[in-house]
Each structure stands twice: as C-alpha cells, then as structure tokens.
Amino acid sequence: MKNSKDYSKKIQKLQGSLSRKYPKVQNVTHDDPTDAIVYAIICSSLDDKTTGSAIKRFSEYFIDLNDLRVSRIEEIVEMLGADTPVTREVALTITTVLRAIFNEYHKVSLEGLKKAGKRPARQALEKMEGTNRFIVDYCMLTSLQGHAVPLTEEMIAYLKNKGLVYPDATEQEIGGFLAKQISAKKGYEFYTLLRRESEAFSSKKKKINKTASAKKKTTKKAKEKTTKKVTRRKK
C-alpha cells in the first residue's frame, strides 16, 4: 500500500486504543472451514448480533449443511430474519458456495483443506464460486490458522474516513497492509474490535445524517408556509 510507513504508526496506535476501549475478545474457531464460510457469508452483510441469531436458527431448522445446500431461498431468508434484497443475496450466496463445495469434493465439508497447507487452501477458496476476499480471509483466520484481517465495506470506509490508510487503496492492499502490522496472534481480536468500532461509527453517522435531513425538511416546510403567507398578503 502506498505510504505504508506513514500509516503503520497510526494502525499501531489504533490497535492500542481499541484494546483499551472494548472488553477482551474471545477467539473463535470453526472446526470445519465450511462452517466458517457460512458464518462469513452472513456476517459480511449483516451485523454480528443478527448473524449469531441466524446461525442459531439455522442449526435448529436445517438438519445439516447438506440440507441447507438444497433448501429453497425463501426458507433461508426466513431463517435470516427478514425478507430484504440483502438477505436474499446472502441466501443465494450460501447455496451457491455450498453447491460449489459439493460439486468439487462430493460432500459439504472442507476439512480436507486443513491438510493441504495454507497457500493451497487459500487458492482453493479463492477459486470457489460465490466467495470473495472477506469470506476467504475470515475462513483462513478462524478455521485454517491463516494470517488475515477480514474487512467489511464499513471497516474499509472507517479506515479511510479516519485517515488510517491510503485513500485510494484497494481492499486487497489494505488487507495485506494490516496483516503486516497486526500479528497472527492478534488477528481475530483486531478484526473484531475494528469491526465494532466501524459499525458504531457508521451507526452514529447515519443518525446524524437522518437528523440533518429531518431538520432540512422542517426548514423547507417552514419556508414554504412563509412564502405562501407573503403571497396571500400581496394578493
């Protein structure tokens, strides 16, 4: 990433401030990489709390991952909690990836990747239909002992907004840069804390914009009323 030396100190400072601001994070490990992938697909578009609730409903409703693979989109959307364009896209991605896994390995499991080595495992995930960088990074981090920092759109937006990374840097460049700054041991903790911070920042920003928009509408209505009164008086 361009000017990486300049941003390195900022990231180290951010890591320290996040560790002090939030409670200690418990590392998460998925035994089967496929479980990590399903979780990543959901949490890439929905917040952690919604994802956790959805995963719980999945375990109660679907017999296993193969049952999830052949389920209708409407069933999956219902378990995700709401019928929206986002949840429909999530449901479609889940079935697409699970079918790709089944077609490649003749079962809905990626446990074999644990013996393949980190680089071959990553390459296999990247070639899989339906995956993206976030999904691959999350799977590597939580199931295949890889060194990665998964990044959502909100996390990237936060880093750029706060001037913590180069403004024109791509997701790949930022991810690679962060992996060099954050140790493998601290990878999951940093990802979790940065995600919490970015989501809180995004939520606050939306509220401010919503309030500003409401005030603008109120001011506009007031001006229209005043204009109408003046017009009537002139008449």
C-alpha atoms as a PDB file:
ATOM      1  CA  MET A   1       0.000   0.000   0.000  1.00  0.00           C
ATOM      2  CA  LYS A   2       1.258   3.500  -0.847  1.00  0.00           C
ATOM      3  CA  ASN A   3       2.869   5.405   2.040  1.00  0.00           C
ATOM      4  CA  SER A   4       2.599   2.321   4.267  1.00  0.00           C
ATOM      5  CA  LYS A   5       5.329   3.563   6.621  1.00  0.00           C
ATOM      6  CA  ASP A   6       3.318   6.693   7.392  1.00  0.00           C
ATOM      7  CA  TYR A   7       0.177   4.691   8.184  1.00  0.00           C
ATOM      8  CA  SER A   8       1.933   1.954  10.159  1.00  0.00           C
ATOM      9  CA  LYS A   9       2.214   4.077  13.325  1.00  0.00           C
ATOM     10  CA  LYS A  10      -1.438   5.070  13.046  1.00  0.00           C
ATOM     11  CA  ILE A  11      -2.550   1.441  12.928  1.00  0.00           C
ATOM     12  CA  GLN A  12      -0.413   0.528  15.915  1.00  0.00           C
ATOM     13  CA  LYS A  13      -1.954   3.429  17.831  1.00  0.00           C
ATOM     14  CA  LEU A  14      -5.444   2.327  16.730  1.00  0.00           C
ATOM     15  CA  GLN A  15      -4.815  -1.222  17.927  1.00  0.00           C
ATOM     16  CA  GLY A  16      -3.846   0.040  21.376  1.00  0.00           C
ATOM     17  CA  SER A  17      -6.814   2.396  21.689  1.00  0.00           C
ATOM     18  CA  LEU A  18      -9.314  -0.287  20.613  1.00  0.00           C
ATOM     19  CA  SER A  19      -7.872  -2.773  23.122  1.00  0.00           C
ATOM     20  CA  ARG A  20      -8.390  -0.237  25.910  1.00  0.00           C
ATOM     21  CA  LYS A  21     -11.837   0.829  24.741  1.00  0.00           C
ATOM     22  CA  TYR A  22     -13.506  -2.595  24.368  1.00  0.00           C
ATOM     23  CA  PRO A  23     -13.665  -5.759  26.543  1.00  0.00           C
ATOM     24  CA  LYS A  24     -11.235  -8.593  25.854  1.00  0.00           C
ATOM     25  CA  VAL A  25     -12.149 -10.672  22.810  1.00  0.00           C
ATOM     26  CA  GLN A  26     -12.522 -14.445  22.923  1.00  0.00           C
ATOM     27  CA  ASN A  27     -11.055 -16.059  19.820  1.00  0.00           C
ATOM     28  CA  VAL A  28     -13.485 -18.010  17.624  1.00  0.00           C
ATOM     29  CA  THR A  29     -12.523 -21.258  15.885  1.00  0.00           C
ATOM     30  CA  HIS A  30     -14.635 -23.204  13.379  1.00  0.00           C
ATOM     31  CA  ASP A  31     -13.713 -26.901  13.201  1.00  0.00           C
ATOM     32  CA  ASP A  32     -14.929 -27.267   9.623  1.00  0.00           C
ATOM     33  CA  PRO A  33     -13.959 -24.459   7.224  1.00  0.00           C
ATOM     34  CA  THR A  34     -17.418 -24.791   5.673  1.00  0.00           C
ATOM     35  CA  ASP A  35     -18.992 -23.551   8.911  1.00  0.00           C
ATOM     36  CA  ALA A  36     -16.648 -20.561   8.814  1.00  0.00           C
ATOM     37  CA  ILE A  37     -17.680 -19.830   5.237  1.00  0.00           C
ATOM     38  CA  VAL A  38     -21.419 -19.883   6.027  1.00  0.00           C
ATOM     39  CA  TYR A  39     -20.839 -17.588   9.002  1.00  0.00           C
ATOM     40  CA  ALA A  40     -18.682 -15.258   6.885  1.00  0.00           C
ATOM     41  CA  ILE A  41     -21.269 -15.016   4.116  1.00  0.00           C
ATOM     42  CA  ILE A  42     -23.891 -13.873   6.612  1.00  0.00           C
ATOM     43  CA  CYS A  43     -21.737 -11.517   8.677  1.00  0.00           C
ATOM     44  CA  SER A  44     -20.272  -9.889   5.577  1.00  0.00           C
ATOM     45  CA  SER A  45     -23.684  -8.270   5.017  1.00  0.00           C
ATOM     46  CA  LEU A  46     -25.326  -8.371   8.462  1.00  0.00           C
ATOM     47  CA  ASP A  47     -24.050  -7.320  11.884  1.00  0.00           C
ATOM     48  CA  ASP A  48     -22.625  -9.838  14.376  1.00  0.00           C
ATOM     49  CA  LYS A  49     -25.735  -9.940  16.571  1.00  0.00           C
ATOM     50  CA  THR A  50     -28.050 -10.674  13.639  1.00  0.00           C
ATOM     51  CA  THR A  51     -25.589 -13.246  12.306  1.00  0.00           C
ATOM     52  CA  GLY A  52     -25.421 -15.061  15.652  1.00  0.00           C
ATOM     53  CA  SER A  53     -29.222 -15.259  15.846  1.00  0.00           C
ATOM     54  CA  ALA A  54     -29.437 -16.513  12.266  1.00  0.00           C
ATOM     55  CA  ILE A  55     -26.821 -19.229  12.829  1.00  0.00           C
ATOM     56  CA  LYS A  56     -28.769 -20.435  15.870  1.00  0.00           C
ATOM     57  CA  ARG A  57     -31.975 -20.664  13.822  1.00  0.00           C
ATOM     58  CA  PHE A  58     -30.073 -22.472  11.066  1.00  0.00           C
ATOM     59  CA  SER A  59     -28.902 -25.170  13.491  1.00  0.00           C
ATOM     60  CA  GLU A  60     -32.450 -25.668  14.773  1.00  0.00           C
ATOM     61  CA  TYR A  61     -34.170 -25.671  11.371  1.00  0.00           C
ATOM     62  CA  PHE A  62     -31.772 -27.370   8.941  1.00  0.00           C
ATOM     63  CA  ILE A  63     -30.637 -30.951   9.537  1.00  0.00           C
ATOM     64  CA  ASP A  64     -27.080 -30.236   8.380  1.00  0.00           C
ATOM     65  CA  LEU A  65     -25.140 -28.222   5.799  1.00  0.00           C
ATOM     66  CA  ASN A  66     -26.262 -30.541   3.023  1.00  0.00           C
ATOM     67  CA  ASP A  67     -29.879 -29.825   3.957  1.00  0.00           C
ATOM     68  CA  LEU A  68     -29.030 -26.112   3.833  1.00  0.00           C
ATOM     69  CA  ARG A  69     -27.441 -26.597   0.400  1.00  0.00           C
ATOM     70  CA  VAL A  70     -30.635 -27.953  -1.169  1.00  0.00           C
ATOM     71  CA  SER A  71     -33.061 -25.656   0.662  1.00  0.00           C
ATOM     72  CA  ARG A  72     -35.164 -23.017  -1.074  1.00  0.00           C
ATOM     73  CA  ILE A  73     -34.008 -19.402  -0.965  1.00  0.00           C
ATOM     74  CA  GLU A  74     -37.273 -18.460   0.788  1.00  0.00           C
ATOM     75  CA  GLU A  75     -36.539 -20.883   3.640  1.00  0.00           C
ATOM     76  CA  ILE A  76     -33.057 -19.488   4.179  1.00  0.00           C
ATOM     77  CA  VAL A  77     -34.319 -15.903   4.018  1.00  0.00           C
ATOM     78  CA  GLU A  78     -36.890 -16.700   6.695  1.00  0.00           C
ATOM     79  CA  MET A  79     -34.144 -18.033   8.977  1.00  0.00           C
ATOM     80  CA  LEU A  80     -32.120 -14.880   8.351  1.00  0.00           C
ATOM     81  CA  GLY A  81     -34.925 -12.916   9.985  1.00  0.00           C
ATOM     82  CA  ALA A  82     -36.242 -10.593   7.262  1.00  0.00           C
ATOM     83  CA  ASP A  83     -37.046 -10.663   3.553  1.00  0.00           C
ATOM     84  CA  THR A  84     -34.894  -7.946   2.012  1.00  0.00           C
ATOM     85  CA  PRO A  85     -32.663  -7.662  -1.083  1.00  0.00           C
ATOM     86  CA  VAL A  86     -29.658  -8.112   1.234  1.00  0.00           C
ATOM     87  CA  THR A  87     -30.904 -11.328   2.895  1.00  0.00           C
ATOM     88  CA  ARG A  88     -31.923 -12.745  -0.482  1.00  0.00           C
ATOM     89  CA  GLU A  89     -28.427 -12.099  -1.794  1.00  0.00           C
ATOM     90  CA  VAL A  90     -26.965 -13.740   1.318  1.00  0.00           C
ATOM     91  CA  ALA A  91     -29.214 -16.782   0.887  1.00  0.00           C
ATOM     92  CA  LEU A  92     -28.279 -17.107  -2.788  1.00  0.00           C
ATOM     93  CA  THR A  93     -24.561 -16.866  -1.971  1.00  0.00           C
ATOM     94  CA  ILE A  94     -24.869 -19.564   0.711  1.00  0.00           C
ATOM     95  CA  THR A  95     -26.458 -22.060  -1.684  1.00  0.00           C
ATOM     96  CA  THR A  96     -24.037 -21.133  -4.475  1.00  0.00           C
ATOM     97  CA  VAL A  97     -20.944 -21.753  -2.332  1.00  0.00           C
ATOM     98  CA  LEU A  98     -22.297 -24.936  -0.715  1.00  0.00           C
ATOM     99  CA  ARG A  99     -23.124 -26.369  -4.143  1.00  0.00           C
ATOM    100  CA  ALA A 100     -19.647 -25.470  -5.365  1.00  0.00           C
ATOM    101  CA  ILE A 101     -18.137 -27.304  -2.390  1.00  0.00           C
ATOM    102  CA  PHE A 102     -20.326 -30.363  -3.018  1.00  0.00           C
ATOM    103  CA  ASN A 103     -19.511 -30.420  -6.741  1.00  0.00           C
ATOM    104  CA  GLU A 104     -15.774 -30.222  -6.028  1.00  0.00           C
ATOM    105  CA  TYR A 105     -15.468 -32.557  -3.032  1.00  0.00           C
ATOM    106  CA  HIS A 106     -18.659 -34.678  -3.308  1.00  0.00           C
ATOM    107  CA  LYS A 107     -19.617 -33.661   0.226  1.00  0.00           C
ATOM    108  CA  VAL A 108     -20.423 -30.435   2.049  1.00  0.00           C
ATOM    109  CA  SER A 109     -17.196 -30.285   4.028  1.00  0.00           C
ATOM    110  CA  LEU A 110     -13.800 -28.646   3.627  1.00  0.00           C
ATOM    111  CA  GLU A 111     -11.958 -30.446   6.419  1.00  0.00           C
ATOM    112  CA  GLY A 112      -9.544 -31.763   3.801  1.00  0.00           C
ATOM    113  CA  LEU A 113      -8.184 -28.247   3.318  1.00  0.00           C
ATOM    114  CA  LYS A 114      -6.625 -28.408   6.791  1.00  0.00           C
ATOM    115  CA  LYS A 115      -4.094 -30.900   5.425  1.00  0.00           C
ATOM    116  CA  ALA A 116      -3.472 -29.041   2.181  1.00  0.00           C
ATOM    117  CA  GLY A 117      -1.341 -26.225   3.581  1.00  0.00           C
ATOM    118  CA  LYS A 118      -2.301 -22.579   3.951  1.00  0.00           C
ATOM    119  CA  ARG A 119      -1.408 -21.378   0.464  1.00  0.00           C
ATOM    120  CA  PRO A 120      -3.114 -24.224  -1.446  1.00  0.00           C
ATOM    121  CA  ALA A 121      -6.133 -23.911   0.885  1.00  0.00           C
ATOM    122  CA  ARG A 122      -6.424 -20.206   0.189  1.00  0.00           C
ATOM    123  CA  GLN A 123      -6.114 -20.751  -3.539  1.00  0.00           C
ATOM    124  CA  ALA A 124      -8.862 -23.376  -3.425  1.00  0.00           C
ATOM    125  CA  LEU A 125     -11.173 -20.980  -1.560  1.00  0.00           C
ATOM    126  CA  GLU A 126     -10.445 -18.097  -3.928  1.00  0.00           C
ATOM    127  CA  LYS A 127     -11.341 -20.214  -6.968  1.00  0.00           C
ATOM    128  CA  MET A 128     -14.632 -21.338  -5.435  1.00  0.00           C
ATOM    129  CA  GLU A 129     -17.782 -19.886  -6.969  1.00  0.00           C
ATOM    130  CA  GLY A 130     -19.509 -17.370  -4.698  1.00  0.00           C
ATOM    131  CA  THR A 131     -16.584 -16.492  -2.425  1.00  0.00           C
ATOM    132  CA  ASN A 132     -14.967 -13.071  -2.063  1.00  0.00           C
ATOM    133  CA  ARG A 133     -11.953 -11.735  -0.187  1.00  0.00           C
ATOM    134  CA  PHE A 134     -13.845 -11.236   3.090  1.00  0.00           C
ATOM    135  CA  ILE A 135     -15.170 -14.816   3.068  1.00  0.00           C
ATOM    136  CA  VAL A 136     -11.756 -16.256   2.254  1.00  0.00           C
ATOM    137  CA  ASP A 137      -9.947 -14.149   4.874  1.00  0.00           C
ATOM    138  CA  TYR A 138     -12.497 -14.991   7.584  1.00  0.00           C
ATOM    139  CA  CYS A 139     -12.244 -18.708   6.811  1.00  0.00           C
ATOM    140  CA  MET A 140      -8.450 -18.623   6.832  1.00  0.00           C
ATOM    141  CA  LEU A 141      -8.403 -16.700  10.113  1.00  0.00           C
ATOM    142  CA  THR A 142     -10.963 -18.732  12.071  1.00  0.00           C
ATOM    143  CA  SER A 143     -10.557 -22.232  10.691  1.00  0.00           C
ATOM    144  CA  LEU A 144      -7.286 -22.666   8.790  1.00  0.00           C
ATOM    145  CA  GLN A 145      -4.876 -20.819  11.105  1.00  0.00           C
ATOM    146  CA  GLY A 146      -4.098 -18.302   8.407  1.00  0.00           C
ATOM    147  CA  HIS A 147      -2.825 -14.782   8.986  1.00  0.00           C
ATOM    148  CA  ALA A 148      -5.525 -12.414   7.691  1.00  0.00           C
ATOM    149  CA  VAL A 149      -7.688  -9.439   8.667  1.00  0.00           C
ATOM    150  CA  PRO A 150     -11.168  -9.738   7.088  1.00  0.00           C
ATOM    151  CA  LEU A 151     -12.603  -6.379   6.030  1.00  0.00           C
ATOM    152  CA  THR A 152     -16.230  -5.370   5.541  1.00  0.00           C
ATOM    153  CA  GLU A 153     -17.176  -2.307   3.488  1.00  0.00           C
ATOM    154  CA  GLU A 154     -17.887  -0.411   6.720  1.00  0.00           C
ATOM    155  CA  MET A 155     -14.448  -1.262   8.101  1.00  0.00           C
ATOM    156  CA  ILE A 156     -12.735  -0.014   4.938  1.00  0.00           C
ATOM    157  CA  ALA A 157     -14.842   3.150   4.930  1.00  0.00           C
ATOM    158  CA  TYR A 158     -13.940   3.776   8.575  1.00  0.00           C
ATOM    159  CA  LEU A 159     -10.203   3.344   7.977  1.00  0.00           C
ATOM    160  CA  LYS A 160     -10.289   5.753   5.036  1.00  0.00           C
ATOM    161  CA  ASN A 161     -12.534   8.267   6.784  1.00  0.00           C
ATOM    162  CA  LYS A 162     -10.176   8.404   9.772  1.00  0.00           C
ATOM    163  CA  GLY A 163      -7.107   8.727   7.571  1.00  0.00           C
ATOM    164  CA  LEU A 164      -5.665   5.408   8.784  1.00  0.00           C
ATOM    165  CA  VAL A 165      -4.932   4.032   5.309  1.00  0.00           C
ATOM    166  CA  TYR A 166      -4.181   5.483   1.892  1.00  0.00           C
ATOM    167  CA  PRO A 167      -7.428   6.984   0.462  1.00  0.00           C
ATOM    168  CA  ASP A 168      -7.220   5.179  -2.887  1.00  0.00           C
ATOM    169  CA  ALA A 169      -6.045   1.824  -1.512  1.00  0.00           C
ATOM    170  CA  THR A 170      -7.983  -1.265  -2.582  1.00  0.00           C
ATOM    171  CA  GLU A 171      -9.416  -3.892  -0.235  1.00  0.00           C
ATOM    172  CA  GLN A 172      -6.573  -6.230  -1.173  1.00  0.00           C
ATOM    173  CA  GLU A 173      -3.926  -3.591  -0.483  1.00  0.00           C
ATOM    174  CA  ILE A 174      -5.450  -2.646   2.876  1.00  0.00           C
ATOM    175  CA  GLY A 175      -5.842  -6.284   3.914  1.00  0.00           C
ATOM    176  CA  GLY A 176      -2.237  -7.059   3.031  1.00  0.00           C
ATOM    177  CA  PHE A 177      -1.019  -3.961   4.837  1.00  0.00           C
ATOM    178  CA  LEU A 178      -2.956  -4.755   8.029  1.00  0.00           C
ATOM    179  CA  ALA A 179      -1.723  -8.354   8.039  1.00  0.00           C
ATOM    180  CA  LYS A 180       1.832  -6.993   8.179  1.00  0.00           C
ATOM    181  CA  GLN A 181       1.014  -4.621  11.042  1.00  0.00           C
ATOM    182  CA  ILE A 182      -1.053  -6.979  13.191  1.00  0.00           C
ATOM    183  CA  SER A 183       0.452 -10.232  14.469  1.00  0.00           C
ATOM    184  CA  ALA A 184      -1.272 -13.524  13.644  1.00  0.00           C
ATOM    185  CA  LYS A 185      -1.976 -13.991  17.355  1.00  0.00           C
ATOM    186  CA  LYS A 186      -3.858 -10.682  17.498  1.00  0.00           C
ATOM    187  CA  GLY A 187      -5.569 -11.062  14.119  1.00  0.00           C
ATOM    188  CA  TYR A 188      -9.032 -12.092  15.294  1.00  0.00           C
ATOM    189  CA  GLU A 189      -9.059  -9.602  18.163  1.00  0.00           C
ATOM    190  CA  PHE A 190      -8.112  -6.709  15.869  1.00  0.00           C
ATOM    191  CA  TYR A 191     -10.722  -7.740  13.287  1.00  0.00           C
ATOM    192  CA  THR A 192     -13.452  -7.931  15.941  1.00  0.00           C
ATOM    193  CA  LEU A 193     -12.608  -4.638  17.635  1.00  0.00           C
ATOM    194  CA  LEU A 194     -12.158  -2.743  14.367  1.00  0.00           C
ATOM    195  CA  ARG A 195     -15.494  -4.096  13.192  1.00  0.00           C
ATOM    196  CA  ARG A 196     -17.251  -2.955  16.368  1.00  0.00           C
ATOM    197  CA  GLU A 197     -15.698   0.481  16.099  1.00  0.00           C
ATOM    198  CA  SER A 198     -16.566   0.856  12.410  1.00  0.00           C
ATOM    199  CA  GLU A 199     -20.177  -0.254  12.939  1.00  0.00           C
ATOM    200  CA  ALA A 200     -20.585   2.165  15.857  1.00  0.00           C
ATOM    201  CA  PHE A 201     -19.096   4.959  13.724  1.00  0.00           C
ATOM    202  CA  SER A 202     -21.378   4.111  10.794  1.00  0.00           C
ATOM    203  CA  SER A 203     -24.466   3.990  13.028  1.00  0.00           C
ATOM    204  CA  LYS A 204     -23.631   7.373  14.556  1.00  0.00           C
ATOM    205  CA  LYS A 205     -23.049   8.865  11.118  1.00  0.00           C
ATOM    206  CA  LYS A 206     -26.415   7.590   9.862  1.00  0.00           C
ATOM    207  CA  LYS A 207     -28.195   9.114  12.858  1.00  0.00           C
ATOM    208  CA  ILE A 208     -26.505  12.480  12.264  1.00  0.00           C
ATOM    209  CA  ASN A 209     -27.449  12.405   8.574  1.00  0.00           C
ATOM    210  CA  LYS A 210     -31.012  11.396   9.444  1.00  0.00           C
ATOM    211  CA  THR A 211     -31.328  14.260  11.940  1.00  0.00           C
ATOM    212  CA  ALA A 212     -29.846  16.741   9.464  1.00  0.00           C
ATOM    213  CA  SER A 213     -32.234  15.528   6.777  1.00  0.00           C
ATOM    214  CA  ALA A 214     -35.232  15.893   9.116  1.00  0.00           C
ATOM    215  CA  LYS A 215     -34.171  19.447  10.057  1.00  0.00           C
ATOM    216  CA  LYS A 216     -33.743  20.311   6.392  1.00  0.00           C
ATOM    217  CA  LYS A 217     -37.260  19.097   5.605  1.00  0.00           C
ATOM    218  CA  THR A 218     -38.691  21.040   8.560  1.00  0.00           C
ATOM    219  CA  THR A 219     -36.886  24.212   7.455  1.00  0.00           C
ATOM    220  CA  LYS A 220     -38.085  23.724   3.893  1.00  0.00           C
ATOM    221  CA  LYS A 221     -41.710  23.325   5.022  1.00  0.00           C
ATOM    222  CA  ALA A 222     -41.432  26.423   7.223  1.00  0.00           C
ATOM    223  CA  LYS A 223     -40.086  28.452   4.290  1.00  0.00           C
ATOM    224  CA  GLU A 224     -42.903  27.206   2.054  1.00  0.00           C
ATOM    225  CA  LYS A 225     -45.513  28.252   4.622  1.00  0.00           C
ATOM    226  CA  THR A 226     -43.889  31.692   4.966  1.00  0.00           C
ATOM    227  CA  THR A 227     -43.808  32.102   1.183  1.00  0.00           C
ATOM    228  CA  LYS A 228     -47.483  31.193   0.931  1.00  0.00           C
ATOM    229  CA  LYS A 229     -48.431  33.722   3.635  1.00  0.00           C
ATOM    230  CA  VAL A 230     -46.452  36.502   1.905  1.00  0.00           C
ATOM    231  CA  THR A 231     -48.039  35.637  -1.434  1.00  0.00           C
ATOM    232  CA  ARG A 232     -51.536  35.772   0.061  1.00  0.00           C
ATOM    233  CA  ARG A 233     -50.848  39.172   1.651  1.00  0.00           C
ATOM    234  CA  LYS A 234     -49.611  40.588  -1.657  1.00  0.00           C
ATOM    235  CA  LYS A 235     -52.768  39.413  -3.358  1.00  0.00           C
END
